[in-house]
Amino acid sequence: MGLFYSLSAQAIDCPPAKVVHLQPQKANILVKLEGQDWHKVGSADDPGAKAMYSALLAAQMAGRTVTIRYPDGYDCLAYELSTDAYMVRTHNQ
């Protein structure tokens, strides 16, 4: 529990939005959310990034919104492909 608190205290949740595009590449997994620019989910060989990709794909297919968490200070509106996401949360609405 201490690790979660420490991590979440130094993170930012980008605004909930629908997945517009998913782009799995040889090295990275990228996502573009509605009203935001392209972001990196993580490295293609990282099991955590693969799990986030699955959640993003399911949300895209269902037309649901998602929230993606990045390190504190991350600009959710900027084109940014160097920072890995901490987590993906899917929403029922």
PDB file of N, CA and C in Angstrom:
ATOM      1  N   MET A   1       0.828  -1.199   0.000  1.00  0.00           N
ATOM      2  CA  MET A   1       0.000   0.000   0.000  1.00  0.00           C
ATOM      3  C   MET A   1       0.865   1.254   0.000  1.00  0.00           C
ATOM      4  N   GLY A   2       1.998   1.237   0.674  1.00  0.00           N
ATOM      5  CA  GLY A   2       2.881   2.383   0.704  1.00  0.00           C
ATOM      6  C   GLY A   2       3.405   2.739  -0.672  1.00  0.00           C
ATOM      7  N   LEU A   3       3.713   1.714  -1.487  1.00  0.00           N
ATOM      8  CA  LEU A   3       4.207   1.961  -2.827  1.00  0.00           C
ATOM      9  C   LEU A   3       3.141   2.646  -3.674  1.00  0.00           C
ATOM     10  N   PHE A   4       1.895   2.186  -3.585  1.00  0.00           N
ATOM     11  CA  PHE A   4       0.818   2.804  -4.356  1.00  0.00           C
ATOM     12  C   PHE A   4       0.657   4.267  -3.972  1.00  0.00           C
ATOM     13  N   TYR A   5       0.658   4.553  -2.694  1.00  0.00           N
ATOM     14  CA  TYR A   5       0.502   5.938  -2.241  1.00  0.00           C
ATOM     15  C   TYR A   5       1.641   6.790  -2.765  1.00  0.00           C
ATOM     16  N   SER A   6       2.846   6.301  -2.663  1.00  0.00           N
ATOM     17  CA  SER A   6       4.008   7.039  -3.126  1.00  0.00           C
ATOM     18  C   SER A   6       3.912   7.293  -4.627  1.00  0.00           C
ATOM     19  N   LEU A   7       3.530   6.275  -5.381  1.00  0.00           N
ATOM     20  CA  LEU A   7       3.434   6.396  -6.820  1.00  0.00           C
ATOM     21  C   LEU A   7       2.317   7.349  -7.223  1.00  0.00           C
ATOM     22  N   SER A   8       1.146   7.216  -6.607  1.00  0.00           N
ATOM     23  CA  SER A   8       0.020   8.049  -6.992  1.00  0.00           C
ATOM     24  C   SER A   8       0.218   9.500  -6.570  1.00  0.00           C
ATOM     25  N   ALA A   9       0.997   9.745  -5.533  1.00  0.00           N
ATOM     26  CA  ALA A   9       1.242  11.112  -5.089  1.00  0.00           C
ATOM     27  C   ALA A   9       2.150  11.846  -6.073  1.00  0.00           C
ATOM     28  N   GLN A  10       2.866  11.112  -6.901  1.00  0.00           N
ATOM     29  CA  GLN A  10       3.786  11.711  -7.856  1.00  0.00           C
ATOM     30  C   GLN A  10       3.332  11.439  -9.284  1.00  0.00           C
ATOM     31  N   ALA A  11       2.030  11.437  -9.489  1.00  0.00           N
ATOM     32  CA  ALA A  11       1.490  11.105 -10.800  1.00  0.00           C
ATOM     33  C   ALA A  11       0.340  12.037 -11.161  1.00  0.00           C
ATOM     34  N   ILE A  12      -0.002  12.009 -12.447  1.00  0.00           N
ATOM     35  CA  ILE A  12      -1.124  12.793 -12.944  1.00  0.00           C
ATOM     36  C   ILE A  12      -2.000  11.880 -13.789  1.00  0.00           C
ATOM     37  N   ASP A  13      -3.292  11.991 -13.601  1.00  0.00           N
ATOM     38  CA  ASP A  13      -4.245  11.264 -14.429  1.00  0.00           C
ATOM     39  C   ASP A  13      -4.699  12.187 -15.552  1.00  0.00           C
ATOM     40  N   CYS A  14      -4.475  11.754 -16.790  1.00  0.00           N
ATOM     41  CA  CYS A  14      -4.978  12.523 -17.929  1.00  0.00           C
ATOM     42  C   CYS A  14      -6.500  12.435 -17.934  1.00  0.00           C
ATOM     43  N   PRO A  15      -7.174  13.453 -18.454  1.00  0.00           N
ATOM     44  CA  PRO A  15      -8.639  13.460 -18.439  1.00  0.00           C
ATOM     45  C   PRO A  15      -9.217  12.241 -19.155  1.00  0.00           C
ATOM     46  N   PRO A  16     -10.313  11.687 -18.637  1.00  0.00           N
ATOM     47  CA  PRO A  16     -10.946  10.545 -19.306  1.00  0.00           C
ATOM     48  C   PRO A  16     -11.328  10.912 -20.740  1.00  0.00           C
ATOM     49  N   ALA A  17     -11.039   9.987 -21.654  1.00  0.00           N
ATOM     50  CA  ALA A  17     -11.328  10.218 -23.064  1.00  0.00           C
ATOM     51  C   ALA A  17     -11.438   8.880 -23.781  1.00  0.00           C
ATOM     52  N   LYS A  18     -12.052   8.914 -24.953  1.00  0.00           N
ATOM     53  CA  LYS A  18     -12.157   7.711 -25.778  1.00  0.00           C
ATOM     54  C   LYS A  18     -10.857   7.489 -26.546  1.00  0.00           C
ATOM     55  N   VAL A  19     -10.559   6.240 -26.808  1.00  0.00           N
ATOM     56  CA  VAL A  19      -9.385   5.871 -27.593  1.00  0.00           C
ATOM     57  C   VAL A  19      -9.706   6.112 -29.068  1.00  0.00           C
ATOM     58  N   VAL A  20      -8.935   6.980 -29.709  1.00  0.00           N
ATOM     59  CA  VAL A  20      -9.114   7.275 -31.125  1.00  0.00           C
ATOM     60  C   VAL A  20      -8.269   6.316 -31.959  1.00  0.00           C
ATOM     61  N   HIS A  21      -7.001   6.146 -31.572  1.00  0.00           N
ATOM     62  CA  HIS A  21      -6.077   5.283 -32.310  1.00  0.00           C
ATOM     63  C   HIS A  21      -5.193   4.513 -31.334  1.00  0.00           C
ATOM     64  N   LEU A  22      -4.897   3.276 -31.684  1.00  0.00           N
ATOM     65  CA  LEU A  22      -3.885   2.471 -31.005  1.00  0.00           C
ATOM     66  C   LEU A  22      -2.849   2.086 -32.042  1.00  0.00           C
ATOM     67  N   GLN A  23      -1.579   2.160 -31.677  1.00  0.00           N
ATOM     68  CA  GLN A  23      -0.525   1.838 -32.634  1.00  0.00           C
ATOM     69  C   GLN A  23       0.541   0.980 -31.976  1.00  0.00           C
ATOM     70  N   PRO A  24       0.371  -0.346 -32.030  1.00  0.00           N
ATOM     71  CA  PRO A  24       1.443  -1.211 -31.559  1.00  0.00           C
ATOM     72  C   PRO A  24       2.552  -1.243 -32.606  1.00  0.00           C
ATOM     73  N   GLN A  25       3.764  -1.031 -32.178  1.00  0.00           N
ATOM     74  CA  GLN A  25       4.920  -1.035 -33.067  1.00  0.00           C
ATOM     75  C   GLN A  25       5.898  -2.101 -32.586  1.00  0.00           C
ATOM     76  N   LYS A  26       6.965  -2.287 -33.321  1.00  0.00           N
ATOM     77  CA  LYS A  26       7.964  -3.283 -32.937  1.00  0.00           C
ATOM     78  C   LYS A  26       8.533  -2.996 -31.551  1.00  0.00           C
ATOM     79  N   ALA A  27       8.796  -1.737 -31.251  1.00  0.00           N
ATOM     80  CA  ALA A  27       9.435  -1.384 -29.979  1.00  0.00           C
ATOM     81  C   ALA A  27       8.478  -0.799 -28.938  1.00  0.00           C
ATOM     82  N   ASN A  28       7.435  -0.117 -29.369  1.00  0.00           N
ATOM     83  CA  ASN A  28       6.567   0.608 -28.436  1.00  0.00           C
ATOM     84  C   ASN A  28       5.098   0.427 -28.770  1.00  0.00           C
ATOM     85  N   ILE A  29       4.255   0.741 -27.791  1.00  0.00           N
ATOM     86  CA  ILE A  29       2.808   0.794 -27.981  1.00  0.00           C
ATOM     87  C   ILE A  29       2.392   2.243 -27.766  1.00  0.00           C
ATOM     88  N   LEU A  30       1.706   2.808 -28.751  1.00  0.00           N
ATOM     89  CA  LEU A  30       1.289   4.211 -28.699  1.00  0.00           C
ATOM     90  C   LEU A  30      -0.227   4.300 -28.706  1.00  0.00           C
ATOM     91  N   VAL A  31      -0.735   5.411 -28.156  1.00  0.00           N
ATOM     92  CA  VAL A  31      -2.176   5.632 -28.108  1.00  0.00           C
ATOM     93  C   VAL A  31      -2.466   7.111 -28.355  1.00  0.00           C
ATOM     94  N   LYS A  32      -3.580   7.372 -29.009  1.00  0.00           N
ATOM     95  CA  LYS A  32      -4.080   8.749 -29.171  1.00  0.00           C
ATOM     96  C   LYS A  32      -5.492   8.765 -28.632  1.00  0.00           C
ATOM     97  N   LEU A  33      -5.718   9.612 -27.640  1.00  0.00           N
ATOM     98  CA  LEU A  33      -7.031   9.751 -27.037  1.00  0.00           C
ATOM     99  C   LEU A  33      -7.728  10.987 -27.605  1.00  0.00           C
ATOM    100  N   GLU A  34      -9.051  10.968 -27.574  1.00  0.00           N
ATOM    101  CA  GLU A  34      -9.863  12.083 -28.049  1.00  0.00           C
ATOM    102  C   GLU A  34      -9.486  13.353 -27.293  1.00  0.00           C
ATOM    103  N   GLY A  35      -9.150  14.423 -28.033  1.00  0.00           N
ATOM    104  CA  GLY A  35      -8.795  15.698 -27.424  1.00  0.00           C
ATOM    105  C   GLY A  35      -7.377  15.771 -26.900  1.00  0.00           C
ATOM    106  N   GLN A  36      -6.604  14.702 -27.071  1.00  0.00           N
ATOM    107  CA  GLN A  36      -5.208  14.660 -26.629  1.00  0.00           C
ATOM    108  C   GLN A  36      -4.339  14.266 -27.817  1.00  0.00           C
ATOM    109  N   ASP A  37      -3.038  14.317 -27.635  1.00  0.00           N
ATOM    110  CA  ASP A  37      -2.130  13.946 -28.712  1.00  0.00           C
ATOM    111  C   ASP A  37      -1.612  12.526 -28.480  1.00  0.00           C
ATOM    112  N   TRP A  38      -0.667  12.099 -29.290  1.00  0.00           N
ATOM    113  CA  TRP A  38      -0.096  10.761 -29.165  1.00  0.00           C
ATOM    114  C   TRP A  38       0.720  10.639 -27.891  1.00  0.00           C
ATOM    115  N   HIS A  39       0.589   9.481 -27.233  1.00  0.00           N
ATOM    116  CA  HIS A  39       1.335   9.184 -26.015  1.00  0.00           C
ATOM    117  C   HIS A  39       1.868   7.758 -26.085  1.00  0.00           C
ATOM    118  N   LYS A  40       2.914   7.511 -25.327  1.00  0.00           N
ATOM    119  CA  LYS A  40       3.482   6.164 -25.228  1.00  0.00           C
ATOM    120  C   LYS A  40       2.801   5.424 -24.089  1.00  0.00           C
ATOM    121  N   VAL A  41       2.357   4.208 -24.363  1.00  0.00           N
ATOM    122  CA  VAL A  41       1.826   3.344 -23.312  1.00  0.00           C
ATOM    123  C   VAL A  41       2.989   2.653 -22.628  1.00  0.00           C
ATOM    124  N   GLY A  42       3.899   2.104 -23.430  1.00  0.00           N
ATOM    125  CA  GLY A  42       5.069   1.427 -22.895  1.00  0.00           C
ATOM    126  C   GLY A  42       5.796   0.667 -23.978  1.00  0.00           C
ATOM    127  N   SER A  43       6.800  -0.082 -23.575  1.00  0.00           N
ATOM    128  CA  SER A  43       7.579  -0.897 -24.505  1.00  0.00           C
ATOM    129  C   SER A  43       6.788  -2.132 -24.895  1.00  0.00           C
ATOM    130  N   ALA A  44       6.886  -2.510 -26.146  1.00  0.00           N
ATOM    131  CA  ALA A  44       6.117  -3.640 -26.666  1.00  0.00           C
ATOM    132  C   ALA A  44       6.455  -4.954 -25.969  1.00  0.00           C
ATOM    133  N   ASP A  45       7.641  -5.075 -25.409  1.00  0.00           N
ATOM    134  CA  ASP A  45       8.026  -6.325 -24.739  1.00  0.00           C
ATOM    135  C   ASP A  45       7.741  -6.313 -23.234  1.00  0.00           C
ATOM    136  N   ASP A  46       7.139  -5.251 -22.726  1.00  0.00           N
ATOM    137  CA  ASP A  46       6.807  -5.142 -21.306  1.00  0.00           C
ATOM    138  C   ASP A  46       5.423  -5.750 -21.051  1.00  0.00           C
ATOM    139  N   PRO A  47       5.320  -6.782 -20.189  1.00  0.00           N
ATOM    140  CA  PRO A  47       4.015  -7.390 -19.921  1.00  0.00           C
ATOM    141  C   PRO A  47       2.976  -6.395 -19.395  1.00  0.00           C
ATOM    142  N   GLY A  48       3.394  -5.422 -18.614  1.00  0.00           N
ATOM    143  CA  GLY A  48       2.464  -4.408 -18.111  1.00  0.00           C
ATOM    144  C   GLY A  48       1.895  -3.562 -19.231  1.00  0.00           C
ATOM    145  N   ALA A  49       2.743  -3.203 -20.194  1.00  0.00           N
ATOM    146  CA  ALA A  49       2.278  -2.413 -21.336  1.00  0.00           C
ATOM    147  C   ALA A  49       1.330  -3.239 -22.198  1.00  0.00           C
ATOM    148  N   LYS A  50       1.608  -4.529 -22.321  1.00  0.00           N
ATOM    149  CA  LYS A  50       0.713  -5.403 -23.088  1.00  0.00           C
ATOM    150  C   LYS A  50      -0.658  -5.488 -22.426  1.00  0.00           C
ATOM    151  N   ALA A  51      -0.688  -5.544 -21.099  1.00  0.00           N
ATOM    152  CA  ALA A  51      -1.962  -5.580 -20.377  1.00  0.00           C
ATOM    153  C   ALA A  51      -2.716  -4.259 -20.567  1.00  0.00           C
ATOM    154  N   MET A  52      -2.000  -3.129 -20.527  1.00  0.00           N
ATOM    155  CA  MET A  52      -2.637  -1.838 -20.748  1.00  0.00           C
ATOM    156  C   MET A  52      -3.168  -1.742 -22.180  1.00  0.00           C
ATOM    157  N   TYR A  53      -2.405  -2.260 -23.143  1.00  0.00           N
ATOM    158  CA  TYR A  53      -2.858  -2.273 -24.534  1.00  0.00           C
ATOM    159  C   TYR A  53      -4.170  -3.049 -24.658  1.00  0.00           C
ATOM    160  N   SER A  54      -4.255  -4.190 -23.993  1.00  0.00           N
ATOM    161  CA  SER A  54      -5.484  -4.992 -24.034  1.00  0.00           C
ATOM    162  C   SER A  54      -6.671  -4.220 -23.485  1.00  0.00           C
ATOM    163  N   ALA A  55      -6.456  -3.519 -22.367  1.00  0.00           N
ATOM    164  CA  ALA A  55      -7.527  -2.720 -21.772  1.00  0.00           C
ATOM    165  C   ALA A  55      -7.934  -1.578 -22.700  1.00  0.00           C
ATOM    166  N   LEU A  56      -6.951  -0.938 -23.329  1.00  0.00           N
ATOM    167  CA  LEU A  56      -7.239   0.152 -24.261  1.00  0.00           C
ATOM    168  C   LEU A  56      -7.997  -0.349 -25.490  1.00  0.00           C
ATOM    169  N   LEU A  57      -7.599  -1.499 -26.008  1.00  0.00           N
ATOM    170  CA  LEU A  57      -8.269  -2.069 -27.170  1.00  0.00           C
ATOM    171  C   LEU A  57      -9.717  -2.432 -26.844  1.00  0.00           C
ATOM    172  N   ALA A  58      -9.932  -3.050 -25.686  1.00  0.00           N
ATOM    173  CA  ALA A  58     -11.302  -3.404 -25.270  1.00  0.00           C
ATOM    174  C   ALA A  58     -12.156  -2.151 -25.113  1.00  0.00           C
ATOM    175  N   ALA A  59     -11.588  -1.092 -24.516  1.00  0.00           N
ATOM    176  CA  ALA A  59     -12.330   0.160 -24.340  1.00  0.00           C
ATOM    177  C   ALA A  59     -12.646   0.793 -25.688  1.00  0.00           C
ATOM    178  N   GLN A  60     -11.689   0.742 -26.619  1.00  0.00           N
ATOM    179  CA  GLN A  60     -11.917   1.308 -27.946  1.00  0.00           C
ATOM    180  C   GLN A  60     -13.053   0.568 -28.645  1.00  0.00           C
ATOM    181  N   MET A  61     -13.031  -0.748 -28.580  1.00  0.00           N
ATOM    182  CA  MET A  61     -14.058  -1.547 -29.248  1.00  0.00           C
ATOM    183  C   MET A  61     -15.437  -1.338 -28.630  1.00  0.00           C
ATOM    184  N   ALA A  62     -15.485  -1.059 -27.326  1.00  0.00           N
ATOM    185  CA  ALA A  62     -16.757  -0.865 -26.630  1.00  0.00           C
ATOM    186  C   ALA A  62     -17.201   0.597 -26.616  1.00  0.00           C
ATOM    187  N   GLY A  63     -16.364   1.502 -27.117  1.00  0.00           N
ATOM    188  CA  GLY A  63     -16.718   2.924 -27.116  1.00  0.00           C
ATOM    189  C   GLY A  63     -16.671   3.547 -25.730  1.00  0.00           C
ATOM    190  N   ARG A  64     -15.874   2.981 -24.837  1.00  0.00           N
ATOM    191  CA  ARG A  64     -15.756   3.478 -23.451  1.00  0.00           C
ATOM    192  C   ARG A  64     -14.613   4.471 -23.322  1.00  0.00           C
ATOM    193  N   THR A  65     -14.643   5.258 -22.271  1.00  0.00           N
ATOM    194  CA  THR A  65     -13.546   6.174 -21.991  1.00  0.00           C
ATOM    195  C   THR A  65     -12.507   5.491 -21.114  1.00  0.00           C
ATOM    196  N   VAL A  66     -11.298   6.054 -21.148  1.00  0.00           N
ATOM    197  CA  VAL A  66     -10.198   5.556 -20.330  1.00  0.00           C
ATOM    198  C   VAL A  66      -9.486   6.736 -19.675  1.00  0.00           C
ATOM    199  N   THR A  67      -8.815   6.454 -18.592  1.00  0.00           N
ATOM    200  CA  THR A  67      -7.910   7.401 -17.947  1.00  0.00           C
ATOM    201  C   THR A  67      -6.534   6.763 -17.955  1.00  0.00           C
ATOM    202  N   ILE A  68      -5.522   7.522 -18.352  1.00  0.00           N
ATOM    203  CA  ILE A  68      -4.149   7.023 -18.337  1.00  0.00           C
ATOM    204  C   ILE A  68      -3.349   7.867 -17.352  1.00  0.00           C
ATOM    205  N   ARG A  69      -2.588   7.189 -16.500  1.00  0.00           N
ATOM    206  CA  ARG A  69      -1.773   7.873 -15.477  1.00  0.00           C
ATOM    207  C   ARG A  69      -0.316   7.922 -15.931  1.00  0.00           C
ATOM    208  N   TYR A  70       0.286   9.112 -15.784  1.00  0.00           N
ATOM    209  CA  TYR A  70       1.692   9.355 -16.116  1.00  0.00           C
ATOM    210  C   TYR A  70       2.384  10.029 -14.937  1.00  0.00           C
ATOM    211  N   PRO A  71       3.716  10.137 -14.975  1.00  0.00           N
ATOM    212  CA  PRO A  71       4.433  10.818 -13.894  1.00  0.00           C
ATOM    213  C   PRO A  71       3.972  12.269 -13.728  1.00  0.00           C
ATOM    214  N   ASP A  72       4.097  12.780 -12.520  1.00  0.00           N
ATOM    215  CA  ASP A  72       3.737  14.159 -12.212  1.00  0.00           C
ATOM    216  C   ASP A  72       4.447  15.110 -13.175  1.00  0.00           C
ATOM    217  N   GLY A  73       3.736  16.101 -13.646  1.00  0.00           N
ATOM    218  CA  GLY A  73       4.300  17.090 -14.559  1.00  0.00           C
ATOM    219  C   GLY A  73       4.093  16.744 -16.026  1.00  0.00           C
ATOM    220  N   TYR A  74       3.536  15.572 -16.307  1.00  0.00           N
ATOM    221  CA  TYR A  74       3.297  15.139 -17.680  1.00  0.00           C
ATOM    222  C   TYR A  74       2.224  16.027 -18.298  1.00  0.00           C
ATOM    223  N   ASP A  75       2.413  16.411 -19.557  1.00  0.00           N
ATOM    224  CA  ASP A  75       1.446  17.250 -20.273  1.00  0.00           C
ATOM    225  C   ASP A  75       0.567  16.357 -21.146  1.00  0.00           C
ATOM    226  N   CYS A  76      -0.659  16.149 -20.723  1.00  0.00           N
ATOM    227  CA  CYS A  76      -1.580  15.247 -21.419  1.00  0.00           C
ATOM    228  C   CYS A  76      -1.977  15.753 -22.798  1.00  0.00           C
ATOM    229  N   LEU A  77      -1.813  17.034 -23.060  1.00  0.00           N
ATOM    230  CA  LEU A  77      -2.200  17.592 -24.350  1.00  0.00           C
ATOM    231  C   LEU A  77      -1.060  17.583 -25.363  1.00  0.00           C
ATOM    232  N   ALA A  78       0.170  17.380 -24.899  1.00  0.00           N
ATOM    233  CA  ALA A  78       1.342  17.442 -25.774  1.00  0.00           C
ATOM    234  C   ALA A  78       1.610  16.108 -26.466  1.00  0.00           C
ATOM    235  N   TYR A  79       2.253  16.181 -27.609  1.00  0.00           N
ATOM    236  CA  TYR A  79       2.764  15.004 -28.317  1.00  0.00           C
ATOM    237  C   TYR A  79       3.983  14.539 -27.532  1.00  0.00           C
ATOM    238  N   GLU A  80       3.918  13.351 -26.933  1.00  0.00           N
ATOM    239  CA  GLU A  80       4.987  12.908 -26.035  1.00  0.00           C
ATOM    240  C   GLU A  80       5.133  11.396 -26.134  1.00  0.00           C
ATOM    241  N   LEU A  81       6.245  10.933 -26.669  1.00  0.00           N
ATOM    242  CA  LEU A  81       6.441   9.505 -26.902  1.00  0.00           C
ATOM    243  C   LEU A  81       7.630   8.928 -26.137  1.00  0.00           C
ATOM    244  N   SER A  82       8.078   9.599 -25.087  1.00  0.00           N
ATOM    245  CA  SER A  82       9.233   9.081 -24.348  1.00  0.00           C
ATOM    246  C   SER A  82       8.889   8.582 -22.945  1.00  0.00           C
ATOM    247  N   THR A  83       7.709   8.900 -22.431  1.00  0.00           N
ATOM    248  CA  THR A  83       7.344   8.545 -21.064  1.00  0.00           C
ATOM    249  C   THR A  83       6.338   7.400 -21.043  1.00  0.00           C
ATOM    250  N   ASP A  84       6.647   6.351 -20.283  1.00  0.00           N
ATOM    251  CA  ASP A  84       5.738   5.208 -20.145  1.00  0.00           C
ATOM    252  C   ASP A  84       4.586   5.542 -19.197  1.00  0.00           C
ATOM    253  N   ALA A  85       3.419   5.001 -19.511  1.00  0.00           N
ATOM    254  CA  ALA A  85       2.255   5.159 -18.633  1.00  0.00           C
ATOM    255  C   ALA A  85       2.437   4.324 -17.375  1.00  0.00           C
ATOM    256  N   TYR A  86       1.868   4.799 -16.265  1.00  0.00           N
ATOM    257  CA  TYR A  86       1.860   4.037 -15.016  1.00  0.00           C
ATOM    258  C   TYR A  86       0.696   3.052 -14.992  1.00  0.00           C
ATOM    259  N   MET A  87      -0.463   3.469 -15.513  1.00  0.00           N
ATOM    260  CA  MET A  87      -1.640   2.600 -15.481  1.00  0.00           C
ATOM    261  C   MET A  87      -2.686   3.105 -16.461  1.00  0.00           C
ATOM    262  N   VAL A  88      -3.643   2.210 -16.759  1.00  0.00           N
ATOM    263  CA  VAL A  88      -4.804   2.540 -17.576  1.00  0.00           C
ATOM    264  C   VAL A  88      -6.041   2.128 -16.782  1.00  0.00           C
ATOM    265  N   ARG A  89      -7.007   3.031 -16.697  1.00  0.00           N
ATOM    266  CA  ARG A  89      -8.288   2.720 -16.037  1.00  0.00           C
ATOM    267  C   ARG A  89      -9.384   2.833 -17.078  1.00  0.00           C
ATOM    268  N   THR A  90     -10.217   1.815 -17.182  1.00  0.00           N
ATOM    269  CA  THR A  90     -11.350   1.859 -18.093  1.00  0.00           C
ATOM    270  C   THR A  90     -12.584   2.304 -17.313  1.00  0.00           C
ATOM    271  N   HIS A  91     -13.502   2.977 -18.016  1.00  0.00           N
ATOM    272  CA  HIS A  91     -14.723   3.480 -17.384  1.00  0.00           C
ATOM    273  C   HIS A  91     -15.935   2.831 -18.040  1.00  0.00           C
ATOM    274  N   ASN A  92     -16.981   2.643 -17.277  1.00  0.00           N
ATOM    275  CA  ASN A  92     -18.188   2.043 -17.804  1.00  0.00           C
ATOM    276  C   ASN A  92     -19.030   3.009 -18.620  1.00  0.00           C
ATOM    277  N   GLN A  93     -18.747   4.276 -18.545  1.00  0.00           N
ATOM    278  CA  GLN A  93     -19.548   5.263 -19.263  1.00  0.00           C
ATOM    279  C   GLN A  93     -18.707   6.046 -20.228  1.00  0.00           C
TER     280      GLN A  93
END
